[in-house]
């Protein structure tokens, strides 16, 4: 039973990575596959909102069920999100001060705190 659950978990992780990749490489197809119009700003902001809420909840669950070392590595991995957000802002005409001052600093702080918690 444990092995089956682990296989499902790994497949789910791989699947969501594939879905995320599709959103980056074929956004119109991905939005249609998601079930909404490709130009739906409201759908995109809702997706972003849920992603951000999940990004805050997942590390807390890791910490509550594991330890600060696991939390640290989770934060290091989670730094991918604000780092990518900084690049998205820069590539789409946003202000460098916003990209680096909000998203970049968030990524750096997650990595720094994560490495301290992971005892690296």
Protein backbone atom coordinates (compact mmCIF):
# COMPACT_ATOMS: atom_id res chain seq x y z
CA UNK A 1 0.00 0.00 0.00
CA UNK A 2 2.83 2.42 0.88
CA UNK A 3 4.64 1.75 -2.39
CA UNK A 4 1.43 2.34 -4.36
CA UNK A 5 0.86 5.63 -2.56
CA UNK A 6 4.46 6.71 -3.23
CA UNK A 7 4.12 5.84 -6.93
CA UNK A 8 0.90 7.87 -7.14
CA UNK A 9 2.59 10.78 -5.32
CA UNK A 10 5.58 10.78 -7.69
CA UNK A 11 3.31 10.52 -10.73
CA UNK A 12 1.19 13.40 -9.42
CA UNK A 13 4.32 15.52 -8.92
CA UNK A 14 5.56 14.71 -12.42
CA UNK A 15 2.10 15.43 -13.81
CA UNK A 16 1.81 18.86 -12.23
CA UNK A 17 5.33 19.71 -13.43
CA UNK A 18 4.23 18.74 -16.95
CA UNK A 19 1.08 20.85 -16.65
CA UNK A 20 3.11 23.82 -15.43
CA UNK A 21 5.53 23.36 -18.32
CA UNK A 22 2.60 23.35 -20.74
CA UNK A 23 1.39 26.65 -19.29
CA UNK A 24 4.81 28.12 -20.07
CA UNK A 25 5.26 26.60 -23.52
CA UNK A 26 1.69 26.53 -24.86
CA UNK A 27 -0.37 28.91 -22.73
CA UNK A 28 -3.47 29.02 -24.97
CA UNK A 29 -3.67 25.23 -25.13
CA UNK A 30 -3.06 25.01 -21.40
CA UNK A 31 -5.80 27.52 -20.58
CA UNK A 32 -8.26 25.63 -22.78
CA UNK A 33 -7.19 22.37 -21.15
CA UNK A 34 -7.70 24.01 -17.76
CA UNK A 35 -11.26 24.75 -18.86
CA UNK A 36 -11.30 28.53 -19.32
CA UNK A 37 -10.88 30.99 -22.15
CA UNK A 38 -7.22 31.67 -23.01
CA UNK A 39 -7.64 35.42 -22.49
CA UNK A 40 -9.43 35.22 -19.13
CA UNK A 41 -7.56 37.61 -16.83
CA UNK A 42 -9.84 36.67 -13.94
CA UNK A 43 -8.99 32.99 -14.35
CA UNK A 44 -5.27 33.79 -14.38
CA UNK A 45 -5.49 35.92 -11.24
CA UNK A 46 -7.48 33.18 -9.50
CA UNK A 47 -4.85 30.61 -10.53
CA UNK A 48 -2.12 32.91 -9.16
CA UNK A 49 -4.03 33.44 -5.92
CA UNK A 50 -4.48 29.73 -5.29
CA UNK A 51 -0.83 29.09 -6.19
CA UNK A 52 0.31 31.68 -3.66
CA UNK A 53 -1.94 30.30 -0.92
CA UNK A 54 -0.64 26.78 -1.60
CA UNK A 55 2.93 28.09 -1.61
CA UNK A 56 2.39 29.32 1.93
CA UNK A 57 0.53 26.29 3.23
CA UNK A 58 2.80 23.53 1.89
CA UNK A 59 5.95 24.61 3.82
CA UNK A 60 3.91 24.93 7.00
CA UNK A 61 2.54 21.40 6.56
CA UNK A 62 6.08 20.12 5.95
CA UNK A 63 7.27 21.84 9.13
CA UNK A 64 4.31 20.57 11.16
CA UNK A 65 4.74 16.98 10.03
CA UNK A 66 8.50 16.70 9.65
CA UNK A 67 11.15 19.02 11.09
CA UNK A 68 12.97 22.27 10.49
CA UNK A 69 15.48 20.56 8.19
CA UNK A 70 12.70 19.42 5.87
CA UNK A 71 11.18 22.90 6.09
CA UNK A 72 14.54 24.38 5.10
CA UNK A 73 14.85 22.27 1.96
CA UNK A 74 11.22 23.00 1.13
CA UNK A 75 11.94 26.74 1.32
CA UNK A 76 14.99 26.38 -0.91
CA UNK A 77 12.87 24.54 -3.50
CA UNK A 78 10.05 27.06 -3.10
CA UNK A 79 12.44 29.90 -3.98
CA UNK A 80 11.99 28.84 -7.60
CA UNK A 81 8.58 30.55 -7.58
CA UNK A 82 9.65 34.11 -6.68
CA UNK A 83 12.80 33.77 -8.79
CA UNK A 84 10.65 32.85 -11.78
CA UNK A 85 8.23 35.65 -10.89
CA UNK A 86 11.11 38.12 -11.06
CA UNK A 87 12.02 36.89 -14.54
CA UNK A 88 8.38 37.04 -15.63
CA UNK A 89 8.12 40.65 -14.47
CA UNK A 90 11.35 41.59 -16.28
CA UNK A 91 10.41 39.78 -19.51
CA UNK A 92 6.99 41.38 -19.64
CA UNK A 93 7.93 45.03 -19.31
CA UNK A 94 7.66 45.29 -15.55
CA UNK A 95 9.84 47.49 -13.43
CA UNK A 96 13.23 46.05 -12.47
CA UNK A 97 12.78 47.54 -8.99
CA UNK A 98 9.62 45.48 -8.54
CA UNK A 99 11.14 42.35 -10.05
CA UNK A 100 14.23 42.48 -7.87
CA UNK A 101 12.90 44.39 -4.86
CA UNK A 102 9.91 42.13 -4.27
CA UNK A 103 10.39 38.84 -6.07
CA UNK A 104 14.19 38.72 -6.08
CA UNK A 105 14.51 39.56 -2.40
CA UNK A 106 11.83 37.01 -1.55
CA UNK A 107 13.79 34.30 -3.40
CA UNK A 108 17.04 35.26 -1.67
CA UNK A 109 15.39 35.29 1.76
CA UNK A 110 13.77 31.88 1.18
CA UNK A 111 17.11 30.40 0.13
CA UNK A 112 18.98 31.97 3.05
CA UNK A 113 16.42 30.93 5.67
CA UNK A 114 16.09 27.52 4.07
CA UNK A 115 19.81 26.85 4.15
CA UNK A 116 20.03 27.92 7.79
CA UNK A 117 17.11 25.66 8.71
CA UNK A 118 18.59 22.78 6.71
CA UNK A 119 21.94 23.27 8.52
CA UNK A 120 23.94 23.67 5.34
